[in-house]
Amino acid sequence: MHGLNKISTSDERAAMLGKLVAPVLPELEQAEAALARHLTSHYAFIQTLVRHIERFRGKRLRPAVLLLSAKAFGGEAPLGPEVGALVEMIHLATLCHDDILDDAATRRNVATVNAEWGNKAAVMTGDILFSRAFEILGRFDDPRPNRQLSRTARLICEGELLQIASRYNAGLTEEEYFDIIDKKTAQLFGAAAELGALMAGASENDGRKLFVYGRRLGMAFQIVDDCLDLMGVETTVGKSLGSDLKNGEPTLPLIHLLSHASGAQKQELQRLFAPDNHDLTRENLRRYLEAAGSVEYALGVARDEIQRARDEIAFLPASTARNVLHDLPYYVLARES
């Protein structure tokens, strides 16, 4: 793949990803089966909630990264599908909590748990997923997945709290923003890539290189997601958009816009970016963002992260898995806006 290819339909996105993950499709299917097995309860109400969460089934990028990393180092990772399922379970738990924080109504074009059953049920559903994942991780003879994912879960929570603390901070720096998205999104990608490599016999040093690859992939993923939140179409993206603005969370395009504005325009933007200002909408900001090139700037940063991610795996021997890890970042960049 060469350059950034825009995907115009969800079917094209699915086809592109399906082609990319084909080398680990049997293992991904095992991970899917394990996830379905773990998302069960003999209590009818809890079963309804966890099965609803399963409808948030998305790209399964994190398990795919884990399994591709394992295959790049020989593929002998018997725990790979099981750990991949638990990585996805942790991700689903964070989505459940994110939707509460964002007051989101839809995800994957279906109602969120908080929209359907309220915040209290959504909090506890996310907590069940977290606790179930670590209950299972604690049973493994290999302590590395439990140790790595426990640390990652803590960092995700820190990132969410830092994001809450940054609300309506018109002076938030790019460095502070990168720290937030590193914790809340990129660390789980990095953990998945590193665990796949280590479980397949990679050295600690090579495992860290895969961690950096996954982390940079995750940084690009979140930056693109933040751009979509400002400029995307809800029916195409499949979830509630504009939540960052509604919650006063400065993302990279807005940070760029605020830092480059001056005079009356800066005063107007600062007026807009204030608590309880109902004029702070995607529609009202769009002309400013387009004039300043702020979204394109953010996408440029995402492209840089992708190139650095690819550089991290240049040492891998030639293989189908290496080729997919090399091309997978383009899927992140090529999402429909």
C-alpha atoms as a PDB file:
ATOM      1  CA  MET A   1       0.000   0.000   0.000  1.00  0.00           C
ATOM      2  CA  HIS A   2       1.283   3.408  -0.841  1.00  0.00           C
ATOM      3  CA  GLY A   3       0.089   6.618   0.758  1.00  0.00           C
ATOM      4  CA  LEU A   4      -3.226   7.385   2.366  1.00  0.00           C
ATOM      5  CA  ASN A   5      -6.198   5.767   0.656  1.00  0.00           C
ATOM      6  CA  LYS A   6      -9.596   7.059   1.653  1.00  0.00           C
ATOM      7  CA  ILE A   7     -12.227   4.387   2.197  1.00  0.00           C
ATOM      8  CA  SER A   8     -15.708   5.484   1.178  1.00  0.00           C
ATOM      9  CA  THR A   9     -17.938   2.768   2.645  1.00  0.00           C
ATOM     10  CA  SER A  10     -18.111   0.516   5.690  1.00  0.00           C
ATOM     11  CA  ASP A  11     -18.033  -2.497   3.356  1.00  0.00           C
ATOM     12  CA  GLU A  12     -14.731  -1.305   1.907  1.00  0.00           C
ATOM     13  CA  ARG A  13     -13.356  -0.836   5.416  1.00  0.00           C
ATOM     14  CA  ALA A  14     -14.394  -4.347   6.372  1.00  0.00           C
ATOM     15  CA  ALA A  15     -12.899  -5.787   3.184  1.00  0.00           C
ATOM     16  CA  MET A  16      -9.604  -3.975   3.727  1.00  0.00           C
ATOM     17  CA  LEU A  17      -9.315  -5.156   7.318  1.00  0.00           C
ATOM     18  CA  GLY A  18     -10.428  -8.675   6.430  1.00  0.00           C
ATOM     19  CA  LYS A  19      -7.660  -8.919   3.866  1.00  0.00           C
ATOM     20  CA  LEU A  20      -5.098  -7.599   6.316  1.00  0.00           C
ATOM     21  CA  VAL A  21      -5.939  -9.992   9.158  1.00  0.00           C
ATOM     22  CA  ALA A  22      -6.351 -13.062   6.938  1.00  0.00           C
ATOM     23  CA  PRO A  23      -2.999 -14.556   8.088  1.00  0.00           C
ATOM     24  CA  VAL A  24      -4.297 -14.786  11.677  1.00  0.00           C
ATOM     25  CA  LEU A  25      -7.978 -15.375  10.944  1.00  0.00           C
ATOM     26  CA  PRO A  26      -8.102 -18.843  12.594  1.00  0.00           C
ATOM     27  CA  GLU A  27      -6.532 -17.436  15.769  1.00  0.00           C
ATOM     28  CA  LEU A  28      -8.874 -14.414  15.681  1.00  0.00           C
ATOM     29  CA  GLU A  29     -11.839 -16.770  15.449  1.00  0.00           C
ATOM     30  CA  GLN A  30     -10.506 -18.612  18.510  1.00  0.00           C
ATOM     31  CA  ALA A  31     -10.235 -15.272  20.312  1.00  0.00           C
ATOM     32  CA  GLU A  32     -13.815 -14.421  19.309  1.00  0.00           C
ATOM     33  CA  ALA A  33     -15.024 -17.750  20.677  1.00  0.00           C
ATOM     34  CA  ALA A  34     -13.128 -17.180  23.934  1.00  0.00           C
ATOM     35  CA  LEU A  35     -14.581 -13.681  24.279  1.00  0.00           C
ATOM     36  CA  ALA A  36     -18.117 -14.970  23.720  1.00  0.00           C
ATOM     37  CA  ARG A  37     -17.497 -17.688  26.306  1.00  0.00           C
ATOM     38  CA  HIS A  38     -16.316 -15.157  28.876  1.00  0.00           C
ATOM     39  CA  LEU A  39     -19.184 -12.719  28.204  1.00  0.00           C
ATOM     40  CA  THR A  40     -21.777 -14.868  29.894  1.00  0.00           C
ATOM     41  CA  SER A  41     -23.749 -14.854  33.139  1.00  0.00           C
ATOM     42  CA  HIS A  42     -26.480 -17.090  34.541  1.00  0.00           C
ATOM     43  CA  TYR A  43     -28.276 -13.944  35.754  1.00  0.00           C
ATOM     44  CA  ALA A  44     -30.673 -12.798  33.028  1.00  0.00           C
ATOM     45  CA  PHE A  45     -30.164  -9.045  33.488  1.00  0.00           C
ATOM     46  CA  ILE A  46     -26.372  -9.285  33.576  1.00  0.00           C
ATOM     47  CA  GLN A  47     -26.435 -11.604  30.556  1.00  0.00           C
ATOM     48  CA  THR A  48     -28.482  -9.000  28.695  1.00  0.00           C
ATOM     49  CA  LEU A  49     -25.938  -6.279  29.536  1.00  0.00           C
ATOM     50  CA  VAL A  50     -22.802  -8.214  28.616  1.00  0.00           C
ATOM     51  CA  ARG A  51     -24.369  -9.547  25.417  1.00  0.00           C
ATOM     52  CA  HIS A  52     -25.315  -5.987  24.510  1.00  0.00           C
ATOM     53  CA  ILE A  53     -21.677  -4.982  25.009  1.00  0.00           C
ATOM     54  CA  GLU A  54     -20.724  -7.695  22.531  1.00  0.00           C
ATOM     55  CA  ARG A  55     -22.729  -5.756  19.936  1.00  0.00           C
ATOM     56  CA  PHE A  56     -19.979  -3.131  20.143  1.00  0.00           C
ATOM     57  CA  ARG A  57     -17.969  -5.673  18.158  1.00  0.00           C
ATOM     58  CA  GLY A  58     -15.670  -3.571  16.041  1.00  0.00           C
ATOM     59  CA  LYS A  59     -12.390  -3.928  14.266  1.00  0.00           C
ATOM     60  CA  ARG A  60     -10.715  -6.213  16.840  1.00  0.00           C
ATOM     61  CA  LEU A  61      -7.508  -4.362  16.024  1.00  0.00           C
ATOM     62  CA  ARG A  62      -5.881  -5.037  19.377  1.00  0.00           C
ATOM     63  CA  PRO A  63      -6.236  -8.852  19.283  1.00  0.00           C
ATOM     64  CA  ALA A  64      -5.140  -8.760  15.629  1.00  0.00           C
ATOM     65  CA  VAL A  65      -2.007  -6.798  16.544  1.00  0.00           C
ATOM     66  CA  LEU A  66      -1.232  -9.288  19.326  1.00  0.00           C
ATOM     67  CA  LEU A  67      -1.658 -12.307  17.065  1.00  0.00           C
ATOM     68  CA  LEU A  68       0.250 -10.767  14.154  1.00  0.00           C
ATOM     69  CA  SER A  69       3.119  -9.880  16.489  1.00  0.00           C
ATOM     70  CA  ALA A  70       3.216 -13.495  17.677  1.00  0.00           C
ATOM     71  CA  LYS A  71       3.218 -14.793  14.099  1.00  0.00           C
ATOM     72  CA  ALA A  72       6.047 -12.422  13.179  1.00  0.00           C
ATOM     73  CA  PHE A  73       8.170 -14.230  15.776  1.00  0.00           C
ATOM     74  CA  GLY A  74       7.209 -17.738  14.749  1.00  0.00           C
ATOM     75  CA  GLY A  75       3.581 -17.976  15.826  1.00  0.00           C
ATOM     76  CA  GLU A  76       4.043 -20.483  18.644  1.00  0.00           C
ATOM     77  CA  ALA A  77       1.942 -18.691  21.273  1.00  0.00           C
ATOM     78  CA  PRO A  78      -0.717 -21.095  22.602  1.00  0.00           C
ATOM     79  CA  LEU A  79      -2.118 -18.429  24.937  1.00  0.00           C
ATOM     80  CA  GLY A  80      -2.327 -15.875  22.125  1.00  0.00           C
ATOM     81  CA  PRO A  81      -6.042 -16.198  21.266  1.00  0.00           C
ATOM     82  CA  GLU A  82      -7.048 -16.300  24.933  1.00  0.00           C
ATOM     83  CA  VAL A  83      -4.987 -13.239  25.841  1.00  0.00           C
ATOM     84  CA  GLY A  84      -6.245 -11.502  22.706  1.00  0.00           C
ATOM     85  CA  ALA A  85      -9.811 -12.078  23.924  1.00  0.00           C
ATOM     86  CA  LEU A  86      -8.968 -10.578  27.318  1.00  0.00           C
ATOM     87  CA  VAL A  87      -7.291  -7.563  25.718  1.00  0.00           C
ATOM     88  CA  GLU A  88     -10.539  -7.000  23.833  1.00  0.00           C
ATOM     89  CA  MET A  89     -12.559  -7.475  27.023  1.00  0.00           C
ATOM     90  CA  ILE A  90     -10.520  -4.771  28.732  1.00  0.00           C
ATOM     91  CA  HIS A  91     -11.084  -2.550  25.701  1.00  0.00           C
ATOM     92  CA  LEU A  92     -14.846  -3.159  25.869  1.00  0.00           C
ATOM     93  CA  ALA A  93     -14.809  -2.245  29.567  1.00  0.00           C
ATOM     94  CA  THR A  94     -13.142   1.069  28.733  1.00  0.00           C
ATOM     95  CA  LEU A  95     -15.725   1.752  26.007  1.00  0.00           C
ATOM     96  CA  CYS A  96     -18.520   1.180  28.505  1.00  0.00           C
ATOM     97  CA  HIS A  97     -16.962   3.702  30.896  1.00  0.00           C
ATOM     98  CA  ASP A  98     -16.048   6.126  28.083  1.00  0.00           C
ATOM     99  CA  ASP A  99     -19.647   6.296  26.949  1.00  0.00           C
ATOM    100  CA  ILE A 100     -20.695   7.366  30.449  1.00  0.00           C
ATOM    101  CA  LEU A 101     -18.014  10.048  30.595  1.00  0.00           C
ATOM    102  CA  ASP A 102     -18.963  11.295  27.120  1.00  0.00           C
ATOM    103  CA  ASP A 103     -22.718  10.946  27.659  1.00  0.00           C
ATOM    104  CA  ALA A 104     -22.715   9.063  24.354  1.00  0.00           C
ATOM    105  CA  ALA A 105     -25.971   7.678  22.989  1.00  0.00           C
ATOM    106  CA  THR A 106     -24.723   5.285  20.297  1.00  0.00           C
ATOM    107  CA  ARG A 107     -21.735   3.099  19.468  1.00  0.00           C
ATOM    108  CA  ARG A 108     -21.474   0.830  16.428  1.00  0.00           C
ATOM    109  CA  ASN A 109     -24.863   2.320  15.511  1.00  0.00           C
ATOM    110  CA  VAL A 110     -26.545   0.733  18.547  1.00  0.00           C
ATOM    111  CA  ALA A 111     -27.568   2.287  21.849  1.00  0.00           C
ATOM    112  CA  THR A 112     -24.883   2.505  24.511  1.00  0.00           C
ATOM    113  CA  VAL A 113     -25.420   0.747  27.829  1.00  0.00           C
ATOM    114  CA  ASN A 114     -25.772   4.072  29.622  1.00  0.00           C
ATOM    115  CA  ALA A 115     -28.363   5.289  27.111  1.00  0.00           C
ATOM    116  CA  GLU A 116     -30.381   2.076  27.380  1.00  0.00           C
ATOM    117  CA  TRP A 117     -30.083   1.198  31.074  1.00  0.00           C
ATOM    118  CA  GLY A 118     -28.546   4.255  32.771  1.00  0.00           C
ATOM    119  CA  ASN A 119     -25.149   5.208  34.118  1.00  0.00           C
ATOM    120  CA  LYS A 120     -25.252   2.999  37.206  1.00  0.00           C
ATOM    121  CA  ALA A 121     -25.779  -0.162  35.177  1.00  0.00           C
ATOM    122  CA  ALA A 122     -23.113   0.957  32.689  1.00  0.00           C
ATOM    123  CA  VAL A 123     -20.521   1.570  35.431  1.00  0.00           C
ATOM    124  CA  MET A 124     -21.071  -1.871  36.898  1.00  0.00           C
ATOM    125  CA  THR A 125     -21.049  -3.542  33.481  1.00  0.00           C
ATOM    126  CA  GLY A 126     -17.639  -2.056  32.751  1.00  0.00           C
ATOM    127  CA  ASP A 127     -16.436  -3.108  36.191  1.00  0.00           C
ATOM    128  CA  ILE A 128     -17.614  -6.679  35.624  1.00  0.00           C
ATOM    129  CA  LEU A 129     -15.678  -6.852  32.363  1.00  0.00           C
ATOM    130  CA  PHE A 130     -12.516  -5.509  34.009  1.00  0.00           C
ATOM    131  CA  SER A 131     -12.736  -7.857  36.989  1.00  0.00           C
ATOM    132  CA  ARG A 132     -13.592 -10.877  34.850  1.00  0.00           C
ATOM    133  CA  ALA A 133     -10.605 -10.236  32.585  1.00  0.00           C
ATOM    134  CA  PHE A 134      -8.180 -10.085  35.508  1.00  0.00           C
ATOM    135  CA  GLU A 135      -9.780 -13.090  37.189  1.00  0.00           C
ATOM    136  CA  ILE A 136      -8.941 -15.132  34.093  1.00  0.00           C
ATOM    137  CA  LEU A 137      -5.497 -13.582  33.623  1.00  0.00           C
ATOM    138  CA  GLY A 138      -4.645 -14.616  37.193  1.00  0.00           C
ATOM    139  CA  ARG A 139      -5.103 -18.285  36.273  1.00  0.00           C
ATOM    140  CA  PHE A 140      -2.321 -18.364  33.679  1.00  0.00           C
ATOM    141  CA  ASP A 141       1.017 -19.946  34.526  1.00  0.00           C
ATOM    142  CA  ASP A 142       2.696 -17.188  32.507  1.00  0.00           C
ATOM    143  CA  PRO A 143       2.504 -14.061  34.714  1.00  0.00           C
ATOM    144  CA  ARG A 144       3.437 -11.590  31.957  1.00  0.00           C
ATOM    145  CA  PRO A 145      -0.049 -10.961  30.524  1.00  0.00           C
ATOM    146  CA  ASN A 146      -1.497 -10.270  33.986  1.00  0.00           C
ATOM    147  CA  ARG A 147       1.404  -8.011  34.952  1.00  0.00           C
ATOM    148  CA  GLN A 148       1.383  -6.069  31.694  1.00  0.00           C
ATOM    149  CA  LEU A 149      -2.373  -5.648  31.398  1.00  0.00           C
ATOM    150  CA  SER A 150      -2.806  -4.713  35.069  1.00  0.00           C
ATOM    151  CA  ARG A 151      -0.352  -1.874  34.560  1.00  0.00           C
ATOM    152  CA  THR A 152      -2.068  -0.893  31.313  1.00  0.00           C
ATOM    153  CA  ALA A 153      -5.502  -0.777  32.966  1.00  0.00           C
ATOM    154  CA  ARG A 154      -4.139   1.590  35.608  1.00  0.00           C
ATOM    155  CA  LEU A 155      -2.663   3.848  32.920  1.00  0.00           C
ATOM    156  CA  ILE A 156      -5.967   3.892  31.028  1.00  0.00           C
ATOM    157  CA  CYS A 157      -7.741   5.100  34.162  1.00  0.00           C
ATOM    158  CA  GLU A 158      -5.044   7.738  34.715  1.00  0.00           C
ATOM    159  CA  GLY A 159      -5.483   8.927  31.136  1.00  0.00           C
ATOM    160  CA  GLU A 160      -9.230   9.257  31.562  1.00  0.00           C
ATOM    161  CA  LEU A 161      -8.773  11.248  34.769  1.00  0.00           C
ATOM    162  CA  LEU A 162      -6.195  13.509  33.126  1.00  0.00           C
ATOM    163  CA  GLN A 163      -8.641  14.118  30.289  1.00  0.00           C
ATOM    164  CA  ILE A 164     -11.350  15.083  32.784  1.00  0.00           C
ATOM    165  CA  ALA A 165      -8.885  17.459  34.469  1.00  0.00           C
ATOM    166  CA  SER A 166      -8.097  19.083  31.094  1.00  0.00           C
ATOM    167  CA  ARG A 167     -11.680  20.066  30.317  1.00  0.00           C
ATOM    168  CA  TYR A 168     -12.069  23.629  29.064  1.00  0.00           C
ATOM    169  CA  ASN A 169      -8.320  24.191  29.383  1.00  0.00           C
ATOM    170  CA  ALA A 170      -7.699  26.422  26.382  1.00  0.00           C
ATOM    171  CA  GLY A 171      -3.987  26.390  27.222  1.00  0.00           C
ATOM    172  CA  LEU A 172      -3.510  22.622  27.088  1.00  0.00           C
ATOM    173  CA  THR A 173      -0.260  21.862  25.278  1.00  0.00           C
ATOM    174  CA  GLU A 174       0.354  19.236  22.621  1.00  0.00           C
ATOM    175  CA  GLU A 175       2.710  17.463  25.016  1.00  0.00           C
ATOM    176  CA  GLU A 176      -0.035  17.222  27.645  1.00  0.00           C
ATOM    177  CA  TYR A 177      -2.505  15.975  25.032  1.00  0.00           C
ATOM    178  CA  PHE A 178      -0.062  13.300  23.852  1.00  0.00           C
ATOM    179  CA  ASP A 179       0.386  12.129  27.445  1.00  0.00           C
ATOM    180  CA  ILE A 180      -3.393  11.739  27.784  1.00  0.00           C
ATOM    181  CA  ILE A 181      -3.908   9.736  24.588  1.00  0.00           C
ATOM    182  CA  ASP A 182      -0.799   7.668  25.242  1.00  0.00           C
ATOM    183  CA  LYS A 183      -2.351   6.457  28.485  1.00  0.00           C
ATOM    184  CA  LYS A 184      -6.014   6.175  27.506  1.00  0.00           C
ATOM    185  CA  THR A 185      -5.501   4.539  24.079  1.00  0.00           C
ATOM    186  CA  ALA A 186      -1.950   3.854  22.927  1.00  0.00           C
ATOM    187  CA  GLN A 187      -0.722   1.811  25.892  1.00  0.00           C
ATOM    188  CA  LEU A 188      -3.222  -0.994  25.243  1.00  0.00           C
ATOM    189  CA  PHE A 189      -2.125  -1.246  21.605  1.00  0.00           C
ATOM    190  CA  GLY A 190       1.485  -1.348  22.788  1.00  0.00           C
ATOM    191  CA  ALA A 191       0.758  -4.004  25.398  1.00  0.00           C
ATOM    192  CA  ALA A 192      -0.999  -6.187  22.817  1.00  0.00           C
ATOM    193  CA  ALA A 193       1.914  -5.988  20.377  1.00  0.00           C
ATOM    194  CA  GLU A 194       4.521  -6.666  23.065  1.00  0.00           C
ATOM    195  CA  LEU A 195       2.644  -9.571  24.641  1.00  0.00           C
ATOM    196  CA  GLY A 196       2.189 -11.273  21.271  1.00  0.00           C
ATOM    197  CA  ALA A 197       5.908 -11.051  20.601  1.00  0.00           C
ATOM    198  CA  LEU A 198       6.975 -12.200  24.062  1.00  0.00           C
ATOM    199  CA  MET A 199       4.588 -15.161  24.156  1.00  0.00           C
ATOM    200  CA  ALA A 200       6.047 -16.303  20.812  1.00  0.00           C
ATOM    201  CA  GLY A 201       9.588 -16.265  22.226  1.00  0.00           C
ATOM    202  CA  ALA A 202      10.857 -12.789  21.350  1.00  0.00           C
ATOM    203  CA  SER A 203      13.610 -11.277  23.466  1.00  0.00           C
ATOM    204  CA  GLU A 204      12.743  -8.542  25.950  1.00  0.00           C
ATOM    205  CA  ASN A 205      14.485  -6.027  23.689  1.00  0.00           C
ATOM    206  CA  ASP A 206      12.530  -7.081  20.610  1.00  0.00           C
ATOM    207  CA  GLY A 207       9.346  -7.144  22.670  1.00  0.00           C
ATOM    208  CA  ARG A 208       9.912  -3.500  23.602  1.00  0.00           C
ATOM    209  CA  LYS A 209      10.300  -2.600  19.938  1.00  0.00           C
ATOM    210  CA  LEU A 210       6.915  -4.167  19.259  1.00  0.00           C
ATOM    211  CA  PHE A 211       5.510  -2.246  22.211  1.00  0.00           C
ATOM    212  CA  VAL A 212       6.688   1.019  20.662  1.00  0.00           C
ATOM    213  CA  TYR A 213       5.220  -0.059  17.310  1.00  0.00           C
ATOM    214  CA  GLY A 214       1.825  -0.709  18.918  1.00  0.00           C
ATOM    215  CA  ARG A 215       1.987   2.432  21.000  1.00  0.00           C
ATOM    216  CA  ARG A 216       2.624   4.621  17.953  1.00  0.00           C
ATOM    217  CA  LEU A 217      -0.161   2.833  16.086  1.00  0.00           C
ATOM    218  CA  GLY A 218      -2.469   3.626  19.009  1.00  0.00           C
ATOM    219  CA  MET A 219      -1.412   7.274  19.074  1.00  0.00           C
ATOM    220  CA  ALA A 220      -2.285   7.596  15.381  1.00  0.00           C
ATOM    221  CA  PHE A 221      -5.578   5.769  15.946  1.00  0.00           C
ATOM    222  CA  GLN A 222      -6.644   8.226  18.672  1.00  0.00           C
ATOM    223  CA  ILE A 223      -5.584  11.309  16.716  1.00  0.00           C
ATOM    224  CA  VAL A 224      -7.627  10.149  13.724  1.00  0.00           C
ATOM    225  CA  ASP A 225     -10.542   9.371  16.062  1.00  0.00           C
ATOM    226  CA  ASP A 226     -10.332  12.901  17.485  1.00  0.00           C
ATOM    227  CA  CYS A 227     -10.400  14.348  13.968  1.00  0.00           C
ATOM    228  CA  LEU A 228     -13.457  12.246  13.151  1.00  0.00           C
ATOM    229  CA  ASP A 229     -15.158  13.528  16.304  1.00  0.00           C
ATOM    230  CA  LEU A 230     -14.901  17.025  14.839  1.00  0.00           C
ATOM    231  CA  MET A 231     -15.407  16.373  11.139  1.00  0.00           C
ATOM    232  CA  GLY A 232     -16.937  12.903  10.758  1.00  0.00           C
ATOM    233  CA  VAL A 233     -20.458  11.770   9.876  1.00  0.00           C
ATOM    234  CA  GLU A 234     -22.211   9.860  12.671  1.00  0.00           C
ATOM    235  CA  THR A 235     -23.936   7.328  10.437  1.00  0.00           C
ATOM    236  CA  THR A 236     -20.608   6.474   8.808  1.00  0.00           C
ATOM    237  CA  VAL A 237     -18.418   6.500  11.902  1.00  0.00           C
ATOM    238  CA  GLY A 238     -21.084   4.584  13.825  1.00  0.00           C
ATOM    239  CA  LYS A 239     -21.046   6.421  17.154  1.00  0.00           C
ATOM    240  CA  SER A 240     -22.049   9.707  18.736  1.00  0.00           C
ATOM    241  CA  LEU A 241     -19.760  12.521  17.563  1.00  0.00           C
ATOM    242  CA  GLY A 242     -18.971  15.925  18.995  1.00  0.00           C
ATOM    243  CA  SER A 243     -18.564  14.554  22.511  1.00  0.00           C
ATOM    244  CA  ASP A 244     -15.085  16.050  22.888  1.00  0.00           C
ATOM    245  CA  LEU A 245     -16.489  19.524  22.306  1.00  0.00           C
ATOM    246  CA  LYS A 246     -19.550  18.881  24.430  1.00  0.00           C
ATOM    247  CA  ASN A 247     -17.270  17.878  27.310  1.00  0.00           C
ATOM    248  CA  GLY A 248     -14.762  20.678  26.696  1.00  0.00           C
ATOM    249  CA  GLU A 249     -11.916  18.264  25.934  1.00  0.00           C
ATOM    250  CA  PRO A 250      -9.171  19.884  23.845  1.00  0.00           C
ATOM    251  CA  THR A 251      -7.976  17.521  21.112  1.00  0.00           C
ATOM    252  CA  LEU A 252      -5.067  18.058  18.749  1.00  0.00           C
ATOM    253  CA  PRO A 253      -6.943  19.987  16.020  1.00  0.00           C
ATOM    254  CA  LEU A 254      -8.420  22.359  18.601  1.00  0.00           C
ATOM    255  CA  ILE A 255      -5.083  22.761  20.407  1.00  0.00           C
ATOM    256  CA  HIS A 256      -3.494  23.665  17.072  1.00  0.00           C
ATOM    257  CA  LEU A 257      -6.291  26.137  16.288  1.00  0.00           C
ATOM    258  CA  LEU A 258      -6.134  27.840  19.691  1.00  0.00           C
ATOM    259  CA  SER A 259      -2.351  28.100  19.662  1.00  0.00           C
ATOM    260  CA  HIS A 260      -2.265  29.719  16.215  1.00  0.00           C
ATOM    261  CA  ALA A 261      -5.154  32.145  16.631  1.00  0.00           C
ATOM    262  CA  SER A 262      -4.585  35.768  17.572  1.00  0.00           C
ATOM    263  CA  GLY A 263      -6.436  39.012  18.132  1.00  0.00           C
ATOM    264  CA  ALA A 264     -10.195  39.037  17.803  1.00  0.00           C
ATOM    265  CA  GLN A 265     -10.287  35.484  16.482  1.00  0.00           C
ATOM    266  CA  LYS A 266      -8.489  34.154  19.546  1.00  0.00           C
ATOM    267  CA  GLN A 267     -10.883  36.034  21.813  1.00  0.00           C
ATOM    268  CA  GLU A 268     -13.840  34.581  19.940  1.00  0.00           C
ATOM    269  CA  LEU A 269     -12.454  31.047  20.180  1.00  0.00           C
ATOM    270  CA  GLN A 270     -11.752  31.457  23.882  1.00  0.00           C
ATOM    271  CA  ARG A 271     -15.305  32.705  24.327  1.00  0.00           C
ATOM    272  CA  LEU A 272     -16.635  29.655  22.509  1.00  0.00           C
ATOM    273  CA  PHE A 273     -14.423  27.253  24.439  1.00  0.00           C
ATOM    274  CA  ALA A 274     -15.997  27.877  27.814  1.00  0.00           C
ATOM    275  CA  PRO A 275     -18.266  25.819  30.070  1.00  0.00           C
ATOM    276  CA  ASP A 276     -21.973  25.868  29.233  1.00  0.00           C
ATOM    277  CA  ASN A 277     -21.448  27.721  25.964  1.00  0.00           C
ATOM    278  CA  HIS A 278     -23.978  26.145  23.626  1.00  0.00           C
ATOM    279  CA  ASP A 279     -22.313  27.862  20.650  1.00  0.00           C
ATOM    280  CA  LEU A 280     -19.364  25.443  20.991  1.00  0.00           C
ATOM    281  CA  THR A 281     -20.422  23.074  18.208  1.00  0.00           C
ATOM    282  CA  ARG A 282     -18.739  21.262  15.360  1.00  0.00           C
ATOM    283  CA  GLU A 283     -20.625  23.417  12.879  1.00  0.00           C
ATOM    284  CA  ASN A 284     -19.483  26.693  14.450  1.00  0.00           C
ATOM    285  CA  LEU A 285     -15.864  25.577  14.677  1.00  0.00           C
ATOM    286  CA  ARG A 286     -15.567  24.025  11.243  1.00  0.00           C
ATOM    287  CA  ARG A 287     -14.750  27.213   9.357  1.00  0.00           C
ATOM    288  CA  TYR A 288     -12.030  28.098  11.847  1.00  0.00           C
ATOM    289  CA  LEU A 289     -10.530  24.601  11.691  1.00  0.00           C
ATOM    290  CA  GLU A 290     -10.571  24.570   7.912  1.00  0.00           C
ATOM    291  CA  ALA A 291      -9.041  28.038   7.608  1.00  0.00           C
ATOM    292  CA  ALA A 292      -6.211  27.149   9.999  1.00  0.00           C
ATOM    293  CA  GLY A 293      -5.625  23.700   8.477  1.00  0.00           C
ATOM    294  CA  SER A 294      -5.889  22.260  11.986  1.00  0.00           C
ATOM    295  CA  VAL A 295      -7.400  18.900  11.075  1.00  0.00           C
ATOM    296  CA  GLU A 296      -4.885  18.363   8.297  1.00  0.00           C
ATOM    297  CA  TYR A 297      -2.122  19.294  10.751  1.00  0.00           C
ATOM    298  CA  ALA A 298      -3.372  16.650  13.192  1.00  0.00           C
ATOM    299  CA  LEU A 299      -3.592  14.032  10.453  1.00  0.00           C
ATOM    300  CA  GLY A 300      -0.020  14.910   9.520  1.00  0.00           C
ATOM    301  CA  VAL A 301       1.043  14.120  13.085  1.00  0.00           C
ATOM    302  CA  ALA A 302      -0.826  10.804  12.802  1.00  0.00           C
ATOM    303  CA  ARG A 303       1.041  10.032   9.573  1.00  0.00           C
ATOM    304  CA  ASP A 304       4.340  10.747  11.317  1.00  0.00           C
ATOM    305  CA  GLU A 305       3.403   8.323  14.111  1.00  0.00           C
ATOM    306  CA  ILE A 306       2.574   5.689  11.502  1.00  0.00           C
ATOM    307  CA  GLN A 307       5.935   6.082   9.792  1.00  0.00           C
ATOM    308  CA  ARG A 308       7.744   5.807  13.122  1.00  0.00           C
ATOM    309  CA  ALA A 309       5.711   2.703  13.943  1.00  0.00           C
ATOM    310  CA  ARG A 310       6.806   1.115  10.677  1.00  0.00           C
ATOM    311  CA  ASP A 311      10.410   2.020  11.377  1.00  0.00           C
ATOM    312  CA  GLU A 312      10.225   0.136  14.691  1.00  0.00           C
ATOM    313  CA  ILE A 313       9.561  -3.173  12.945  1.00  0.00           C
ATOM    314  CA  ALA A 314      12.102  -2.777  10.146  1.00  0.00           C
ATOM    315  CA  PHE A 315      14.300  -5.326  11.954  1.00  0.00           C
ATOM    316  CA  LEU A 316      11.744  -8.144  11.601  1.00  0.00           C
ATOM    317  CA  PRO A 317      12.596 -10.876   9.084  1.00  0.00           C
ATOM    318  CA  ALA A 318      10.524 -11.003   5.936  1.00  0.00           C
ATOM    319  CA  SER A 319       7.168 -12.725   6.488  1.00  0.00           C
ATOM    320  CA  THR A 320       3.487 -12.309   5.744  1.00  0.00           C
ATOM    321  CA  ALA A 321       2.898 -11.167   9.331  1.00  0.00           C
ATOM    322  CA  ARG A 322       5.598  -8.518   9.068  1.00  0.00           C
ATOM    323  CA  ASN A 323       4.024  -7.244   5.846  1.00  0.00           C
ATOM    324  CA  VAL A 324       0.630  -6.958   7.528  1.00  0.00           C
ATOM    325  CA  LEU A 325       2.075  -5.140  10.548  1.00  0.00           C
ATOM    326  CA  HIS A 326       3.733  -2.821   8.051  1.00  0.00           C
ATOM    327  CA  ASP A 327       0.463  -2.128   6.208  1.00  0.00           C
ATOM    328  CA  LEU A 328      -2.017  -2.228   9.111  1.00  0.00           C
ATOM    329  CA  PRO A 329      -1.395   1.429  10.061  1.00  0.00           C
ATOM    330  CA  TYR A 330      -2.846   2.523   6.718  1.00  0.00           C
ATOM    331  CA  TYR A 331      -6.180   1.103   7.796  1.00  0.00           C
ATOM    332  CA  VAL A 332      -6.062   3.469  10.787  1.00  0.00           C
ATOM    333  CA  LEU A 333      -5.416   6.433   8.516  1.00  0.00           C
ATOM    334  CA  ALA A 334      -7.845   5.498   5.776  1.00  0.00           C
ATOM    335  CA  ARG A 335     -11.067   5.662   7.745  1.00  0.00           C
ATOM    336  CA  GLU A 336     -13.957   7.580   6.225  1.00  0.00           C
ATOM    337  CA  SER A 337     -14.314  11.130   7.461  1.00  0.00           C
END
